[in-house]
Structures are given as C-alpha cells and as structure tokens.
C-alpha cells in the first residue's frame, strides 16, 4: 500500500508498505526496526532486554509521547510480560497490527509529536 506524500522530508514518514517490508525515505526495510522521527534502527539482532533498554533510552532522550509496538496480527500482544518494565515506568505504548501502526505513526508525526514505532516482521 502507498500513502499520500508527506511534506516534511526531514521526518521518517512511512511512504509505502507490504506484508514483509516498509518504505521510509525511499529505503525498504524487511527486518525488525525501531523508527523515530529522525532515525531508523535495525533491531533484528537485539535481545528482548536490549529492545526494552532502547525504548527506555529513546523515551528519556526524545520525550516520546507514545511507543507503538507493531506486528502482523498483533502477535506481540501475546508477549506482554516482555514489556513489564515499560508498563511499570508508565511509558505510553500501544500494540497494533502493522498497517494500523503505520497510519498512526504518520499521523502523530504530522502533528509534530514525538513517537517511536517498533516493527516486528515474521
């Protein structure tokens, strides 16, 4: 699916996606990533602990309003215990299917708000 073109080229808007990839600034990603307004990080080799630390660090440094955790069929929701440290910190986060997460991420970015998007591919 392709999105309408967004006007701010400095931000990491998602421009297109399919089931196994997402496109940001004309680059396709087909592995697990963490997307922020100004960076895209490969997390495919990160442990669960490293992912949680990355979210916590990004939350502190960028003052994230929301972290979206996206996976096909919302599979990450079944691993809620993995995110217990984030829950205890009361960091705002949401589990979503990938397509809904991409739309929500773009909307929040367009409102000049800080958001993180954790994307897991099968």
PDB file of N, CA and C in Angstrom:
ATOM      1  N   UNK A   1       0.842  -1.165   0.000  1.00  0.00           N
ATOM      2  CA  UNK A   1       0.000   0.000   0.000  1.00  0.00           C
ATOM      3  C   UNK A   1       0.890   1.231   0.000  1.00  0.00           C
ATOM      4  N   UNK A   2       0.435   2.271  -0.632  1.00  0.00           N
ATOM      5  CA  UNK A   2       1.179   3.511  -0.717  1.00  0.00           C
ATOM      6  C   UNK A   2       0.395   4.613  -0.021  1.00  0.00           C
ATOM      7  N   UNK A   3       1.109   5.470   0.710  1.00  0.00           N
ATOM      8  CA  UNK A   3       0.488   6.601   1.376  1.00  0.00           C
ATOM      9  C   UNK A   3       0.603   7.846   0.520  1.00  0.00           C
ATOM     10  N   UNK A   4      -0.199   8.848   0.856  1.00  0.00           N
ATOM     11  CA  UNK A   4      -0.034  10.158   0.228  1.00  0.00           C
ATOM     12  C   UNK A   4       1.306  10.723   0.655  1.00  0.00           C
ATOM     13  N   UNK A   5       1.926  11.480  -0.220  1.00  0.00           N
ATOM     14  CA  UNK A   5       3.232  12.051   0.083  1.00  0.00           C
ATOM     15  C   UNK A   5       3.118  13.050   1.231  1.00  0.00           C
ATOM     16  N   UNK A   6       4.034  12.942   2.175  1.00  0.00           N
ATOM     17  CA  UNK A   6       4.083  13.874   3.296  1.00  0.00           C
ATOM     18  C   UNK A   6       5.077  14.973   2.944  1.00  0.00           C
ATOM     19  N   UNK A   7       4.889  16.154   3.486  1.00  0.00           N
ATOM     20  CA  UNK A   7       5.654  17.314   3.038  1.00  0.00           C
ATOM     21  C   UNK A   7       6.974  17.544   3.754  1.00  0.00           C
ATOM     22  N   UNK A   8       7.168  17.066   4.959  1.00  0.00           N
ATOM     23  CA  UNK A   8       8.397  17.315   5.701  1.00  0.00           C
ATOM     24  C   UNK A   8       9.395  16.205   5.424  1.00  0.00           C
ATOM     25  N   UNK A   9      10.383  16.504   4.607  1.00  0.00           N
ATOM     26  CA  UNK A   9      11.344  15.467   4.196  1.00  0.00           C
ATOM     27  C   UNK A   9      12.339  15.127   5.298  1.00  0.00           C
ATOM     28  N   UNK A  10      12.368  15.893   6.385  1.00  0.00           N
ATOM     29  CA  UNK A  10      13.290  15.610   7.477  1.00  0.00           C
ATOM     30  C   UNK A  10      12.778  14.527   8.414  1.00  0.00           C
ATOM     31  N   UNK A  11      11.496  14.246   8.362  1.00  0.00           N
ATOM     32  CA  UNK A  11      10.909  13.252   9.254  1.00  0.00           C
ATOM     33  C   UNK A  11      10.773  11.904   8.569  1.00  0.00           C
ATOM     34  N   UNK A  12      10.753  10.852   9.355  1.00  0.00           N
ATOM     35  CA  UNK A  12      10.709   9.483   8.842  1.00  0.00           C
ATOM     36  C   UNK A  12       9.288   8.995   8.597  1.00  0.00           C
ATOM     37  N   UNK A  13       8.578   9.683   7.718  1.00  0.00           N
ATOM     38  CA  UNK A  13       7.244   9.224   7.356  1.00  0.00           C
ATOM     39  C   UNK A  13       7.329   7.904   6.604  1.00  0.00           C
ATOM     40  N   UNK A  14       6.365   7.045   6.835  1.00  0.00           N
ATOM     41  CA  UNK A  14       6.266   5.778   6.113  1.00  0.00           C
ATOM     42  C   UNK A  14       5.521   6.066   4.817  1.00  0.00           C
ATOM     43  N   UNK A  15       6.181   5.792   3.692  1.00  0.00           N
ATOM     44  CA  UNK A  15       5.593   6.149   2.396  1.00  0.00           C
ATOM     45  C   UNK A  15       4.887   4.985   1.723  1.00  0.00           C
ATOM     46  N   UNK A  16       5.265   3.751   2.049  1.00  0.00           N
ATOM     47  CA  UNK A  16       4.629   2.572   1.447  1.00  0.00           C
ATOM     48  C   UNK A  16       4.969   1.353   2.296  1.00  0.00           C
ATOM     49  N   UNK A  17       4.170   0.309   2.123  1.00  0.00           N
ATOM     50  CA  UNK A  17       4.451  -0.926   2.849  1.00  0.00           C
ATOM     51  C   UNK A  17       3.734  -2.094   2.180  1.00  0.00           C
ATOM     52  N   UNK A  18       4.221  -3.265   2.453  1.00  0.00           N
ATOM     53  CA  UNK A  18       3.577  -4.536   2.135  1.00  0.00           C
ATOM     54  C   UNK A  18       3.710  -5.403   3.384  1.00  0.00           C
ATOM     55  N   UNK A  19       3.296  -6.645   3.272  1.00  0.00           N
ATOM     56  CA  UNK A  19       3.286  -7.516   4.447  1.00  0.00           C
ATOM     57  C   UNK A  19       4.666  -7.680   5.079  1.00  0.00           C
ATOM     58  N   UNK A  20       5.723  -7.749   4.257  1.00  0.00           N
ATOM     59  CA  UNK A  20       7.059  -8.051   4.777  1.00  0.00           C
ATOM     60  C   UNK A  20       8.074  -6.930   4.626  1.00  0.00           C
ATOM     61  N   UNK A  21       7.630  -5.720   4.368  1.00  0.00           N
ATOM     62  CA  UNK A  21       8.556  -4.586   4.285  1.00  0.00           C
ATOM     63  C   UNK A  21       7.817  -3.272   4.499  1.00  0.00           C
ATOM     64  N   UNK A  22       8.602  -2.255   4.803  1.00  0.00           N
ATOM     65  CA  UNK A  22       8.091  -0.897   4.959  1.00  0.00           C
ATOM     66  C   UNK A  22       9.097   0.037   4.280  1.00  0.00           C
ATOM     67  N   UNK A  23       8.610   1.121   3.690  1.00  0.00           N
ATOM     68  CA  UNK A  23       9.491   2.064   2.998  1.00  0.00           C
ATOM     69  C   UNK A  23       9.482   3.404   3.730  1.00  0.00           C
ATOM     70  N   UNK A  24      10.694   3.882   4.029  1.00  0.00           N
ATOM     71  CA  UNK A  24      10.892   5.166   4.694  1.00  0.00           C
ATOM     72  C   UNK A  24      11.976   5.906   3.923  1.00  0.00           C
ATOM     73  N   UNK A  25      11.679   7.120   3.480  1.00  0.00           N
ATOM     74  CA  UNK A  25      12.639   7.921   2.702  1.00  0.00           C
ATOM     75  C   UNK A  25      13.233   7.111   1.547  1.00  0.00           C
ATOM     76  N   UNK A  26      12.371   6.444   0.812  1.00  0.00           N
ATOM     77  CA  UNK A  26      12.738   5.643  -0.360  1.00  0.00           C
ATOM     78  C   UNK A  26      13.657   4.458  -0.061  1.00  0.00           C
ATOM     79  N   UNK A  27      13.739   4.039   1.176  1.00  0.00           N
ATOM     80  CA  UNK A  27      14.515   2.855   1.526  1.00  0.00           C
ATOM     81  C   UNK A  27      13.572   1.810   2.108  1.00  0.00           C
ATOM     82  N   UNK A  28      13.678   0.580   1.590  1.00  0.00           N
ATOM     83  CA  UNK A  28      12.852  -0.521   2.080  1.00  0.00           C
ATOM     84  C   UNK A  28      13.553  -1.245   3.227  1.00  0.00           C
ATOM     85  N   UNK A  29      12.758  -1.568   4.242  1.00  0.00           N
ATOM     86  CA  UNK A  29      13.243  -2.330   5.387  1.00  0.00           C
ATOM     87  C   UNK A  29      12.403  -3.596   5.488  1.00  0.00           C
ATOM     88  N   UNK A  30      13.060  -4.743   5.528  1.00  0.00           N
ATOM     89  CA  UNK A  30      12.359  -6.011   5.632  1.00  0.00           C
ATOM     90  C   UNK A  30      12.754  -6.786   6.877  1.00  0.00           C
ATOM     91  N   UNK A  31      13.371  -6.091   7.824  1.00  0.00           N
ATOM     92  CA  UNK A  31      13.770  -6.698   9.094  1.00  0.00           C
ATOM     93  C   UNK A  31      13.203  -5.847  10.233  1.00  0.00           C
ATOM     94  N   UNK A  32      13.253  -6.361  11.424  1.00  0.00           N
ATOM     95  CA  UNK A  32      12.701  -5.642  12.570  1.00  0.00           C
ATOM     96  C   UNK A  32      13.465  -4.340  12.807  1.00  0.00           C
ATOM     97  N   UNK A  33      12.692  -3.259  13.034  1.00  0.00           N
ATOM     98  CA  UNK A  33      13.290  -1.934  13.174  1.00  0.00           C
ATOM     99  C   UNK A  33      12.575  -1.132  14.265  1.00  0.00           C
ATOM    100  N   UNK A  34      13.269  -0.108  14.741  1.00  0.00           N
ATOM    101  CA  UNK A  34      12.684   0.878  15.655  1.00  0.00           C
ATOM    102  C   UNK A  34      12.792   2.219  14.954  1.00  0.00           C
ATOM    103  N   UNK A  35      11.644   2.837  14.688  1.00  0.00           N
ATOM    104  CA  UNK A  35      11.597   4.082  13.922  1.00  0.00           C
ATOM    105  C   UNK A  35      11.286   5.235  14.874  1.00  0.00           C
ATOM    106  N   UNK A  36      12.099   6.267  14.771  1.00  0.00           N
ATOM    107  CA  UNK A  36      11.859   7.516  15.471  1.00  0.00           C
ATOM    108  C   UNK A  36      11.709   8.602  14.417  1.00  0.00           C
ATOM    109  N   UNK A  37      11.392   9.798  14.819  1.00  0.00           N
ATOM    110  CA  UNK A  37      11.176  10.873  13.845  1.00  0.00           C
ATOM    111  C   UNK A  37      12.404  11.137  12.997  1.00  0.00           C
ATOM    112  N   UNK A  38      13.606  10.874  13.533  1.00  0.00           N
ATOM    113  CA  UNK A  38      14.833  11.219  12.825  1.00  0.00           C
ATOM    114  C   UNK A  38      15.799  10.056  12.619  1.00  0.00           C
ATOM    115  N   UNK A  39      15.406   8.848  12.989  1.00  0.00           N
ATOM    116  CA  UNK A  39      16.313   7.716  12.821  1.00  0.00           C
ATOM    117  C   UNK A  39      15.535   6.406  12.673  1.00  0.00           C
ATOM    118  N   UNK A  40      16.205   5.442  12.038  1.00  0.00           N
ATOM    119  CA  UNK A  40      15.665   4.090  11.894  1.00  0.00           C
ATOM    120  C   UNK A  40      16.766   3.138  12.346  1.00  0.00           C
ATOM    121  N   UNK A  41      16.480   2.328  13.353  1.00  0.00           N
ATOM    122  CA  UNK A  41      17.473   1.431  13.927  1.00  0.00           C
ATOM    123  C   UNK A  41      17.120  -0.018  13.659  1.00  0.00           C
ATOM    124  N   UNK A  42      18.092  -0.785  13.202  1.00  0.00           N
ATOM    125  CA  UNK A  42      17.922  -2.212  12.972  1.00  0.00           C
ATOM    126  C   UNK A  42      17.965  -2.913  14.327  1.00  0.00           C
ATOM    127  N   UNK A  43      16.886  -3.590  14.680  1.00  0.00           N
ATOM    128  CA  UNK A  43      16.841  -4.299  15.971  1.00  0.00           C
ATOM    129  C   UNK A  43      16.723  -5.811  15.779  1.00  0.00           C
ATOM    130  N   UNK A  44      16.971  -6.282  14.565  1.00  0.00           N
ATOM    131  CA  UNK A  44      16.745  -7.705  14.279  1.00  0.00           C
ATOM    132  C   UNK A  44      17.631  -8.629  15.109  1.00  0.00           C
ATOM    133  N   UNK A  45      18.780  -8.156  15.564  1.00  0.00           N
ATOM    134  CA  UNK A  45      19.665  -8.999  16.377  1.00  0.00           C
ATOM    135  C   UNK A  45      19.664  -8.602  17.850  1.00  0.00           C
ATOM    136  N   UNK A  46      18.732  -7.746  18.252  1.00  0.00           N
ATOM    137  CA  UNK A  46      18.653  -7.298  19.637  1.00  0.00           C
ATOM    138  C   UNK A  46      17.947  -8.349  20.492  1.00  0.00           C
ATOM    139  N   UNK A  47      18.412  -8.482  21.719  1.00  0.00           N
ATOM    140  CA  UNK A  47      17.695  -9.324  22.696  1.00  0.00           C
ATOM    141  C   UNK A  47      16.493  -8.534  23.209  1.00  0.00           C
ATOM    142  N   UNK A  48      15.598  -9.220  23.895  1.00  0.00           N
ATOM    143  CA  UNK A  48      14.451  -8.539  24.486  1.00  0.00           C
ATOM    144  C   UNK A  48      14.912  -7.429  25.444  1.00  0.00           C
ATOM    145  N   UNK A  49      15.934  -7.715  26.219  1.00  0.00           N
ATOM    146  CA  UNK A  49      16.462  -6.722  27.167  1.00  0.00           C
ATOM    147  C   UNK A  49      16.997  -5.499  26.438  1.00  0.00           C
ATOM    148  N   UNK A  50      17.723  -5.707  25.346  1.00  0.00           N
ATOM    149  CA  UNK A  50      18.261  -4.583  24.579  1.00  0.00           C
ATOM    150  C   UNK A  50      17.144  -3.741  23.964  1.00  0.00           C
ATOM    151  N   UNK A  51      16.079  -4.374  23.532  1.00  0.00           N
ATOM    152  CA  UNK A  51      14.949  -3.641  22.961  1.00  0.00           C
ATOM    153  C   UNK A  51      14.288  -2.772  24.030  1.00  0.00           C
ATOM    154  N   UNK A  52      14.080  -3.323  25.211  1.00  0.00           N
ATOM    155  CA  UNK A  52      13.473  -2.563  26.306  1.00  0.00           C
ATOM    156  C   UNK A  52      14.368  -1.391  26.684  1.00  0.00           C
ATOM    157  N   UNK A  53      15.671  -1.618  26.763  1.00  0.00           N
ATOM    158  CA  UNK A  53      16.608  -0.534  27.083  1.00  0.00           C
ATOM    159  C   UNK A  53      16.583   0.553  26.010  1.00  0.00           C
ATOM    160  N   UNK A  54      16.481   0.157  24.757  1.00  0.00           N
ATOM    161  CA  UNK A  54      16.408   1.121  23.663  1.00  0.00           C
ATOM    162  C   UNK A  54      15.145   1.977  23.783  1.00  0.00           C
ATOM    163  N   UNK A  55      14.029   1.344  24.077  1.00  0.00           N
ATOM    164  CA  UNK A  55      12.778   2.086  24.245  1.00  0.00           C
ATOM    165  C   UNK A  55      12.899   3.058  25.422  1.00  0.00           C
ATOM    166  N   UNK A  56      13.436   2.587  26.541  1.00  0.00           N
ATOM    167  CA  UNK A  56      13.574   3.443  27.719  1.00  0.00           C
ATOM    168  C   UNK A  56      14.497   4.629  27.439  1.00  0.00           C
ATOM    169  N   UNK A  57      15.606   4.372  26.768  1.00  0.00           N
ATOM    170  CA  UNK A  57      16.563   5.425  26.438  1.00  0.00           C
ATOM    171  C   UNK A  57      15.946   6.446  25.481  1.00  0.00           C
ATOM    172  N   UNK A  58      15.256   5.960  24.467  1.00  0.00           N
ATOM    173  CA  UNK A  58      14.609   6.850  23.496  1.00  0.00           C
ATOM    174  C   UNK A  58      13.518   7.673  24.168  1.00  0.00           C
ATOM    175  N   UNK A  59      12.780   7.051  25.070  1.00  0.00           N
ATOM    176  CA  UNK A  59      11.726   7.747  25.803  1.00  0.00           C
ATOM    177  C   UNK A  59      12.314   8.915  26.598  1.00  0.00           C
ATOM    178  N   UNK A  60      13.436   8.653  27.273  1.00  0.00           N
ATOM    179  CA  UNK A  60      14.075   9.688  28.088  1.00  0.00           C
ATOM    180  C   UNK A  60      14.671  10.808  27.244  1.00  0.00           C
ATOM    181  N   UNK A  61      15.388  10.448  26.195  1.00  0.00           N
ATOM    182  CA  UNK A  61      16.090  11.444  25.374  1.00  0.00           C
ATOM    183  C   UNK A  61      15.162  12.269  24.496  1.00  0.00           C
ATOM    184  N   UNK A  62      14.149  11.638  23.926  1.00  0.00           N
ATOM    185  CA  UNK A  62      13.290  12.322  22.957  1.00  0.00           C
ATOM    186  C   UNK A  62      11.941  12.728  23.537  1.00  0.00           C
ATOM    187  N   UNK A  63      11.688  12.372  24.782  1.00  0.00           N
ATOM    188  CA  UNK A  63      10.401  12.689  25.416  1.00  0.00           C
ATOM    189  C   UNK A  63       9.240  12.142  24.580  1.00  0.00           C
ATOM    190  N   UNK A  64       9.333  10.862  24.257  1.00  0.00           N
ATOM    191  CA  UNK A  64       8.305  10.224  23.441  1.00  0.00           C
ATOM    192  C   UNK A  64       6.953  10.289  24.135  1.00  0.00           C
ATOM    193  N   UNK A  65       5.941  10.631  23.376  1.00  0.00           N
ATOM    194  CA  UNK A  65       4.575  10.617  23.900  1.00  0.00           C
ATOM    195  C   UNK A  65       3.975   9.224  23.826  1.00  0.00           C
ATOM    196  N   UNK A  66       4.458   8.440  22.871  1.00  0.00           N
ATOM    197  CA  UNK A  66       3.888   7.121  22.632  1.00  0.00           C
ATOM    198  C   UNK A  66       4.904   6.223  21.958  1.00  0.00           C
ATOM    199  N   UNK A  67       4.894   4.959  22.343  1.00  0.00           N
ATOM    200  CA  UNK A  67       5.652   3.923  21.641  1.00  0.00           C
ATOM    201  C   UNK A  67       4.630   2.940  21.102  1.00  0.00           C
ATOM    202  N   UNK A  68       4.671   2.724  19.793  1.00  0.00           N
ATOM    203  CA  UNK A  68       3.759   1.781  19.143  1.00  0.00           C
ATOM    204  C   UNK A  68       4.538   0.502  18.866  1.00  0.00           C
ATOM    205  N   UNK A  69       3.961  -0.620  19.236  1.00  0.00           N
ATOM    206  CA  UNK A  69       4.591  -1.914  19.003  1.00  0.00           C
ATOM    207  C   UNK A  69       3.755  -2.633  17.951  1.00  0.00           C
ATOM    208  N   UNK A  70       4.349  -2.797  16.768  1.00  0.00           N
ATOM    209  CA  UNK A  70       3.611  -3.315  15.618  1.00  0.00           C
ATOM    210  C   UNK A  70       4.115  -4.697  15.215  1.00  0.00           C
ATOM    211  N   UNK A  71       3.153  -5.572  14.946  1.00  0.00           N
ATOM    212  CA  UNK A  71       3.486  -6.913  14.470  1.00  0.00           C
ATOM    213  C   UNK A  71       2.299  -7.440  13.659  1.00  0.00           C
ATOM    214  N   UNK A  72       2.585  -8.352  12.717  1.00  0.00           N
ATOM    215  CA  UNK A  72       1.482  -8.942  11.963  1.00  0.00           C
ATOM    216  C   UNK A  72       0.492  -9.595  12.927  1.00  0.00           C
ATOM    217  N   UNK A  73      -0.762  -9.358  12.703  1.00  0.00           N
ATOM    218  CA  UNK A  73      -1.831  -9.927  13.535  1.00  0.00           C
ATOM    219  C   UNK A  73      -1.683  -9.596  15.021  1.00  0.00           C
ATOM    220  N   UNK A  74      -0.936  -8.526  15.310  1.00  0.00           N
ATOM    221  CA  UNK A  74      -0.776  -8.048  16.687  1.00  0.00           C
ATOM    222  C   UNK A  74      -0.193  -9.126  17.601  1.00  0.00           C
ATOM    223  N   UNK A  75       0.747  -9.919  17.073  1.00  0.00           N
ATOM    224  CA  UNK A  75       1.312 -11.056  17.796  1.00  0.00           C
ATOM    225  C   UNK A  75       2.087 -10.666  19.046  1.00  0.00           C
ATOM    226  N   UNK A  76       2.695  -9.483  19.054  1.00  0.00           N
ATOM    227  CA  UNK A  76       3.479  -9.052  20.215  1.00  0.00           C
ATOM    228  C   UNK A  76       2.621  -8.880  21.461  1.00  0.00           C
ATOM    229  N   UNK A  77       1.339  -8.653  21.294  1.00  0.00           N
ATOM    230  CA  UNK A  77       0.449  -8.514  22.447  1.00  0.00           C
ATOM    231  C   UNK A  77       0.467  -9.780  23.300  1.00  0.00           C
ATOM    232  N   UNK A  78       0.725 -10.925  22.676  1.00  0.00           N
ATOM    233  CA  UNK A  78       0.798 -12.191  23.408  1.00  0.00           C
ATOM    234  C   UNK A  78       2.062 -12.293  24.263  1.00  0.00           C
ATOM    235  N   UNK A  79       2.998 -11.358  24.086  1.00  0.00           N
ATOM    236  CA  UNK A  79       4.267 -11.365  24.830  1.00  0.00           C
ATOM    237  C   UNK A  79       4.309 -10.197  25.814  1.00  0.00           C
ATOM    238  N   UNK A  80       3.184  -9.877  26.397  1.00  0.00           N
ATOM    239  CA  UNK A  80       3.044  -8.710  27.264  1.00  0.00           C
ATOM    240  C   UNK A  80       4.076  -8.691  28.395  1.00  0.00           C
ATOM    241  N   UNK A  81       4.416  -9.841  28.938  1.00  0.00           N
ATOM    242  CA  UNK A  81       5.387  -9.912  30.026  1.00  0.00           C
ATOM    243  C   UNK A  81       6.740  -9.325  29.623  1.00  0.00           C
ATOM    244  N   UNK A  82       7.068  -9.424  28.359  1.00  0.00           N
ATOM    245  CA  UNK A  82       8.324  -8.881  27.824  1.00  0.00           C
ATOM    246  C   UNK A  82       8.418  -7.375  28.069  1.00  0.00           C
ATOM    247  N   UNK A  83       7.288  -6.697  28.142  1.00  0.00           N
ATOM    248  CA  UNK A  83       7.240  -5.243  28.252  1.00  0.00           C
ATOM    249  C   UNK A  83       6.914  -4.754  29.664  1.00  0.00           C
ATOM    250  N   UNK A  84       7.058  -5.615  30.666  1.00  0.00           N
ATOM    251  CA  UNK A  84       6.653  -5.263  32.030  1.00  0.00           C
ATOM    252  C   UNK A  84       7.408  -4.059  32.577  1.00  0.00           C
ATOM    253  N   UNK A  85       8.698  -3.900  32.221  1.00  0.00           N
ATOM    254  CA  UNK A  85       9.461  -2.749  32.703  1.00  0.00           C
ATOM    255  C   UNK A  85       8.916  -1.441  32.144  1.00  0.00           C
ATOM    256  N   UNK A  86       8.463  -1.462  30.901  1.00  0.00           N
ATOM    257  CA  UNK A  86       7.870  -0.264  30.294  1.00  0.00           C
ATOM    258  C   UNK A  86       6.531   0.035  30.963  1.00  0.00           C
ATOM    259  N   UNK A  87       5.780  -0.993  31.239  1.00  0.00           N
ATOM    260  CA  UNK A  87       4.491  -0.807  31.910  1.00  0.00           C
ATOM    261  C   UNK A  87       4.710  -0.168  33.281  1.00  0.00           C
ATOM    262  N   UNK A  88       5.700  -0.643  34.021  1.00  0.00           N
ATOM    263  CA  UNK A  88       5.981  -0.103  35.350  1.00  0.00           C
ATOM    264  C   UNK A  88       6.445   1.356  35.283  1.00  0.00           C
ATOM    265  N   UNK A  89       7.121   1.743  34.216  1.00  0.00           N
ATOM    266  CA  UNK A  89       7.572   3.135  34.051  1.00  0.00           C
ATOM    267  C   UNK A  89       6.437   4.047  33.593  1.00  0.00           C
ATOM    268  N   UNK A  90       5.309   3.451  33.274  1.00  0.00           N
ATOM    269  CA  UNK A  90       4.144   4.184  32.775  1.00  0.00           C
ATOM    270  C   UNK A  90       4.453   4.945  31.485  1.00  0.00           C
ATOM    271  N   UNK A  91       5.271   4.317  30.654  1.00  0.00           N
ATOM    272  CA  UNK A  91       5.523   4.848  29.318  1.00  0.00           C
ATOM    273  C   UNK A  91       4.291   4.528  28.481  1.00  0.00           C
ATOM    274  N   UNK A  92       3.773   5.511  27.766  1.00  0.00           N
ATOM    275  CA  UNK A  92       2.612   5.269  26.919  1.00  0.00           C
ATOM    276  C   UNK A  92       2.982   4.362  25.757  1.00  0.00           C
ATOM    277  N   UNK A  93       2.299   3.246  25.631  1.00  0.00           N
ATOM    278  CA  UNK A  93       2.561   2.370  24.498  1.00  0.00           C
ATOM    279  C   UNK A  93       1.284   1.683  24.060  1.00  0.00           C
ATOM    280  N   UNK A  94       1.307   1.254  22.815  1.00  0.00           N
ATOM    281  CA  UNK A  94       0.118   0.668  22.193  1.00  0.00           C
ATOM    282  C   UNK A  94       0.566  -0.492  21.312  1.00  0.00           C
ATOM    283  N   UNK A  95      -0.150  -1.586  21.369  1.00  0.00           N
ATOM    284  CA  UNK A  95       0.083  -2.720  20.475  1.00  0.00           C
ATOM    285  C   UNK A  95      -0.878  -2.601  19.302  1.00  0.00           C
ATOM    286  N   UNK A  96      -0.371  -2.767  18.080  1.00  0.00           N
ATOM    287  CA  UNK A  96      -1.219  -2.649  16.888  1.00  0.00           C
ATOM    288  C   UNK A  96      -0.751  -3.604  15.801  1.00  0.00           C
ATOM    289  N   UNK A  97      -1.674  -3.917  14.915  1.00  0.00           N
ATOM    290  CA  UNK A  97      -1.286  -4.591  13.683  1.00  0.00           C
ATOM    291  C   UNK A  97      -0.459  -3.603  12.866  1.00  0.00           C
ATOM    292  N   UNK A  98       0.405  -4.137  12.013  1.00  0.00           N
ATOM    293  CA  UNK A  98       1.361  -3.271  11.310  1.00  0.00           C
ATOM    294  C   UNK A  98       0.688  -2.174  10.493  1.00  0.00           C
ATOM    295  N   UNK A  99      -0.341  -2.476   9.735  1.00  0.00           N
ATOM    296  CA  UNK A  99      -0.934  -1.441   8.877  1.00  0.00           C
ATOM    297  C   UNK A  99      -1.530  -0.300   9.697  1.00  0.00           C
ATOM    298  N   UNK A 100      -2.208  -0.609  10.792  1.00  0.00           N
ATOM    299  CA  UNK A 100      -2.766   0.431  11.658  1.00  0.00           C
ATOM    300  C   UNK A 100      -1.646   1.229  12.327  1.00  0.00           C
ATOM    301  N   UNK A 101      -0.578   0.550  12.694  1.00  0.00           N
ATOM    302  CA  UNK A 101       0.559   1.226  13.335  1.00  0.00           C
ATOM    303  C   UNK A 101       1.223   2.220  12.389  1.00  0.00           C
ATOM    304  N   UNK A 102       1.370   1.850  11.117  1.00  0.00           N
ATOM    305  CA  UNK A 102       1.995   2.757  10.141  1.00  0.00           C
ATOM    306  C   UNK A 102       1.163   4.031   9.997  1.00  0.00           C
ATOM    307  N   UNK A 103      -0.137   3.887   9.888  1.00  0.00           N
ATOM    308  CA  UNK A 103      -1.006   5.066   9.740  1.00  0.00           C
ATOM    309  C   UNK A 103      -0.944   5.947  10.987  1.00  0.00           C
ATOM    310  N   UNK A 104      -1.019   5.319  12.144  1.00  0.00           N
ATOM    311  CA  UNK A 104      -0.993   6.065  13.397  1.00  0.00           C
ATOM    312  C   UNK A 104       0.335   6.798  13.573  1.00  0.00           C
ATOM    313  N   UNK A 105       1.430   6.131  13.262  1.00  0.00           N
ATOM    314  CA  UNK A 105       2.756   6.746  13.350  1.00  0.00           C
ATOM    315  C   UNK A 105       2.824   8.005  12.483  1.00  0.00           C
ATOM    316  N   UNK A 106       2.375   7.898  11.237  1.00  0.00           N
ATOM    317  CA  UNK A 106       2.411   9.059  10.336  1.00  0.00           C
ATOM    318  C   UNK A 106       1.544  10.207  10.852  1.00  0.00           C
ATOM    319  N   UNK A 107       0.389   9.888  11.385  1.00  0.00           N
ATOM    320  CA  UNK A 107      -0.496  10.935  11.907  1.00  0.00           C
ATOM    321  C   UNK A 107       0.169  11.658  13.075  1.00  0.00           C
ATOM    322  N   UNK A 108       0.745  10.904  13.991  1.00  0.00           N
ATOM    323  CA  UNK A 108       1.385  11.523  15.153  1.00  0.00           C
ATOM    324  C   UNK A 108       2.572  12.378  14.722  1.00  0.00           C
ATOM    325  N   UNK A 109       3.372  11.883  13.779  1.00  0.00           N
ATOM    326  CA  UNK A 109       4.488  12.691  13.261  1.00  0.00           C
ATOM    327  C   UNK A 109       3.980  13.983  12.630  1.00  0.00           C
ATOM    328  N   UNK A 110       2.893  13.902  11.879  1.00  0.00           N
ATOM    329  CA  UNK A 110       2.366  15.089  11.201  1.00  0.00           C
ATOM    330  C   UNK A 110       1.877  16.145  12.189  1.00  0.00           C
ATOM    331  N   UNK A 111       1.617  15.740  13.422  1.00  0.00           N
ATOM    332  CA  UNK A 111       1.193  16.659  14.478  1.00  0.00           C
ATOM    333  C   UNK A 111       2.391  17.215  15.261  1.00  0.00           C
ATOM    334  N   UNK A 112       3.603  16.968  14.765  1.00  0.00           N
ATOM    335  CA  UNK A 112       4.854  17.424  15.403  1.00  0.00           C
ATOM    336  C   UNK A 112       5.009  16.880  16.819  1.00  0.00           C
ATOM    337  N   UNK A 113       4.576  15.640  17.014  1.00  0.00           N
ATOM    338  CA  UNK A 113       4.712  14.968  18.304  1.00  0.00           C
ATOM    339  C   UNK A 113       5.764  13.873  18.176  1.00  0.00           C
ATOM    340  N   UNK A 114       6.413  13.550  19.284  1.00  0.00           N
ATOM    341  CA  UNK A 114       7.457  12.518  19.276  1.00  0.00           C
ATOM    342  C   UNK A 114       6.826  11.145  19.515  1.00  0.00           C
ATOM    343  N   UNK A 115       7.172  10.214  18.640  1.00  0.00           N
ATOM    344  CA  UNK A 115       6.621   8.864  18.702  1.00  0.00           C
ATOM    345  C   UNK A 115       7.704   7.870  18.282  1.00  0.00           C
ATOM    346  N   UNK A 116       7.649   6.690  18.850  1.00  0.00           N
ATOM    347  CA  UNK A 116       8.533   5.602  18.447  1.00  0.00           C
ATOM    348  C   UNK A 116       7.685   4.460  17.914  1.00  0.00           C
ATOM    349  N   UNK A 117       8.176   3.803  16.882  1.00  0.00           N
ATOM    350  CA  UNK A 117       7.458   2.667  16.295  1.00  0.00           C
ATOM    351  C   UNK A 117       8.396   1.469  16.226  1.00  0.00           C
ATOM    352  N   UNK A 118       8.060   0.449  16.972  1.00  0.00           N
ATOM    353  CA  UNK A 118       8.810  -0.801  16.982  1.00  0.00           C
ATOM    354  C   UNK A 118       8.095  -1.749  16.031  1.00  0.00           C
ATOM    355  N   UNK A 119       8.776  -2.184  14.972  1.00  0.00           N
ATOM    356  CA  UNK A 119       8.138  -3.020  13.946  1.00  0.00           C
ATOM    357  C   UNK A 119       8.807  -4.398  13.929  1.00  0.00           C
ATOM    358  N   UNK A 120       7.986  -5.420  14.107  1.00  0.00           N
ATOM    359  CA  UNK A 120       8.447  -6.808  14.004  1.00  0.00           C
ATOM    360  C   UNK A 120       7.865  -7.419  12.733  1.00  0.00           C
ATOM    361  N   UNK A 121       8.723  -8.046  11.939  1.00  0.00           N
ATOM    362  CA  UNK A 121       8.272  -8.799  10.776  1.00  0.00           C
ATOM    363  C   UNK A 121       8.433 -10.284  11.069  1.00  0.00           C
ATOM    364  N   UNK A 122       7.612 -11.112  10.433  1.00  0.00           N
ATOM    365  CA  UNK A 122       7.732 -12.562  10.610  1.00  0.00           C
ATOM    366  C   UNK A 122       8.997 -13.074   9.975  1.00  0.00           C
TER     367      UNK A 122
END
